[in-house]
N, C-alpha and C. Protein backbone atom coordinates (compact mmCIF):
# COMPACT_ATOMS: atom_id res chain seq x y z
N MET A 1 -58.37 -13.84 14.08
CA MET A 1 -57.67 -14.85 13.31
C MET A 1 -57.23 -14.25 11.97
N THR A 2 -56.00 -14.52 11.59
CA THR A 2 -55.51 -14.02 10.31
C THR A 2 -55.46 -15.16 9.31
N ASP A 3 -55.83 -14.83 8.09
CA ASP A 3 -55.75 -15.84 7.02
C ASP A 3 -54.33 -15.89 6.50
N ARG A 4 -53.82 -17.07 6.36
CA ARG A 4 -52.47 -17.23 5.82
C ARG A 4 -52.56 -17.68 4.38
N ILE A 5 -51.63 -17.22 3.57
CA ILE A 5 -51.58 -17.60 2.16
C ILE A 5 -50.87 -18.94 2.05
N ASP A 6 -51.53 -19.87 1.41
CA ASP A 6 -50.94 -21.19 1.20
C ASP A 6 -50.09 -21.14 -0.06
N PRO A 7 -48.76 -21.32 0.05
CA PRO A 7 -47.90 -21.23 -1.13
C PRO A 7 -48.22 -22.27 -2.19
N GLU A 8 -48.86 -23.35 -1.81
CA GLU A 8 -49.24 -24.38 -2.77
C GLU A 8 -50.38 -23.91 -3.68
N GLN A 9 -51.13 -22.89 -3.26
CA GLN A 9 -52.30 -22.46 -4.02
C GLN A 9 -52.11 -21.10 -4.69
N THR A 10 -50.90 -20.63 -4.79
CA THR A 10 -50.66 -19.34 -5.45
C THR A 10 -50.06 -19.57 -6.83
N ASP A 11 -50.23 -18.59 -7.71
CA ASP A 11 -49.69 -18.67 -9.06
C ASP A 11 -48.31 -18.03 -9.15
N VAL A 12 -47.80 -17.54 -8.04
CA VAL A 12 -46.51 -16.86 -8.03
C VAL A 12 -45.40 -17.90 -7.98
N PRO A 13 -44.40 -17.78 -8.87
CA PRO A 13 -43.30 -18.75 -8.84
C PRO A 13 -42.49 -18.61 -7.55
N ALA A 14 -41.94 -19.72 -7.09
CA ALA A 14 -41.19 -19.72 -5.83
C ALA A 14 -39.89 -18.93 -5.96
N ALA A 15 -39.26 -18.95 -7.13
CA ALA A 15 -38.00 -18.24 -7.33
C ALA A 15 -38.05 -17.49 -8.66
N PRO A 16 -37.30 -16.40 -8.77
CA PRO A 16 -37.27 -15.67 -10.04
C PRO A 16 -36.74 -16.55 -11.17
N ASP A 17 -37.23 -16.30 -12.35
CA ASP A 17 -36.81 -17.07 -13.53
C ASP A 17 -35.63 -16.36 -14.18
N PRO A 18 -34.42 -16.94 -14.11
CA PRO A 18 -33.25 -16.26 -14.68
C PRO A 18 -33.36 -16.04 -16.18
N ASP A 19 -34.04 -16.93 -16.89
CA ASP A 19 -34.21 -16.75 -18.33
C ASP A 19 -35.06 -15.52 -18.63
N LEU A 20 -36.10 -15.33 -17.84
CA LEU A 20 -36.96 -14.16 -18.03
C LEU A 20 -36.18 -12.88 -17.71
N ASP A 21 -35.39 -12.91 -16.65
CA ASP A 21 -34.58 -11.75 -16.31
C ASP A 21 -33.64 -11.39 -17.45
N GLU A 22 -33.03 -12.40 -18.07
CA GLU A 22 -32.11 -12.15 -19.18
C GLU A 22 -32.84 -11.56 -20.38
N GLU A 23 -34.04 -12.08 -20.66
CA GLU A 23 -34.84 -11.55 -21.77
C GLU A 23 -35.20 -10.08 -21.53
N LEU A 24 -35.59 -9.77 -20.31
CA LEU A 24 -35.95 -8.39 -19.98
C LEU A 24 -34.73 -7.47 -20.09
N ASP A 25 -33.58 -7.94 -19.61
CA ASP A 25 -32.36 -7.14 -19.72
C ASP A 25 -32.02 -6.85 -21.17
N GLU A 26 -32.14 -7.86 -22.03
CA GLU A 26 -31.84 -7.67 -23.45
C GLU A 26 -32.82 -6.68 -24.08
N ALA A 27 -34.09 -6.79 -23.72
CA ALA A 27 -35.09 -5.87 -24.27
C ALA A 27 -34.80 -4.43 -23.83
N LEU A 28 -34.40 -4.26 -22.57
CA LEU A 28 -34.06 -2.92 -22.09
C LEU A 28 -32.82 -2.39 -22.78
N ASP A 29 -31.83 -3.26 -23.01
CA ASP A 29 -30.62 -2.83 -23.71
C ASP A 29 -30.95 -2.36 -25.12
N ASP A 30 -31.89 -3.04 -25.78
CA ASP A 30 -32.29 -2.64 -27.13
C ASP A 30 -33.03 -1.31 -27.11
N SER A 31 -33.86 -1.11 -26.09
CA SER A 31 -34.67 0.11 -26.00
C SER A 31 -33.86 1.31 -25.52
N PHE A 32 -32.97 1.05 -24.57
CA PHE A 32 -32.18 2.12 -23.96
C PHE A 32 -30.70 1.74 -23.98
N PRO A 33 -30.04 1.90 -25.13
CA PRO A 33 -28.63 1.53 -25.19
C PRO A 33 -27.78 2.36 -24.23
N ALA A 34 -26.74 1.75 -23.69
CA ALA A 34 -25.88 2.43 -22.72
C ALA A 34 -25.17 3.63 -23.33
N SER A 35 -24.97 3.63 -24.65
CA SER A 35 -24.29 4.75 -25.29
C SER A 35 -25.19 5.96 -25.49
N ASP A 36 -26.49 5.81 -25.19
CA ASP A 36 -27.44 6.91 -25.35
C ASP A 36 -27.63 7.61 -24.01
N PRO A 37 -27.00 8.77 -23.81
CA PRO A 37 -27.13 9.44 -22.52
C PRO A 37 -28.56 9.94 -22.28
N VAL A 38 -28.96 9.85 -21.06
CA VAL A 38 -30.30 10.31 -20.68
C VAL A 38 -30.13 11.43 -19.67
N SER A 39 -30.75 12.56 -19.94
CA SER A 39 -30.69 13.68 -19.01
C SER A 39 -32.02 13.77 -18.28
N ILE A 40 -31.93 13.70 -16.97
CA ILE A 40 -33.14 13.79 -16.16
C ILE A 40 -33.29 15.22 -15.67
N ASP A 41 -34.46 15.79 -15.90
CA ASP A 41 -34.77 17.15 -15.47
C ASP A 41 -33.78 18.16 -16.06
N ARG A 42 -33.46 17.98 -17.33
CA ARG A 42 -32.54 18.92 -18.00
C ARG A 42 -33.32 20.16 -18.42
N ARG A 43 -32.76 21.28 -18.16
CA ARG A 43 -33.41 22.54 -18.53
C ARG A 43 -32.63 23.17 -19.67
N GLU A 44 -33.37 23.62 -20.66
CA GLU A 44 -32.73 24.26 -21.82
C GLU A 44 -32.08 25.58 -21.44
N ASP A 45 -32.69 26.28 -20.47
CA ASP A 45 -32.16 27.59 -20.12
C ASP A 45 -31.92 27.63 -18.61
N PRO A 46 -30.73 27.19 -18.19
CA PRO A 46 -30.44 27.14 -16.75
C PRO A 46 -30.40 28.54 -16.13
N GLN A 47 -30.77 28.64 -14.89
CA GLN A 47 -30.81 29.94 -14.22
C GLN A 47 -29.76 30.02 -13.14
């Protein structure tokens, strides 16, 4: 027998909160502005 999770008894919201998503997007924009290029695995002395 498998135990099923009762959605009525969980603390997880049924749908994503668009306001929270917007707040997180704004925080990321402040931390990592689009005008700031990011180099991944950049080597100072390429071979």
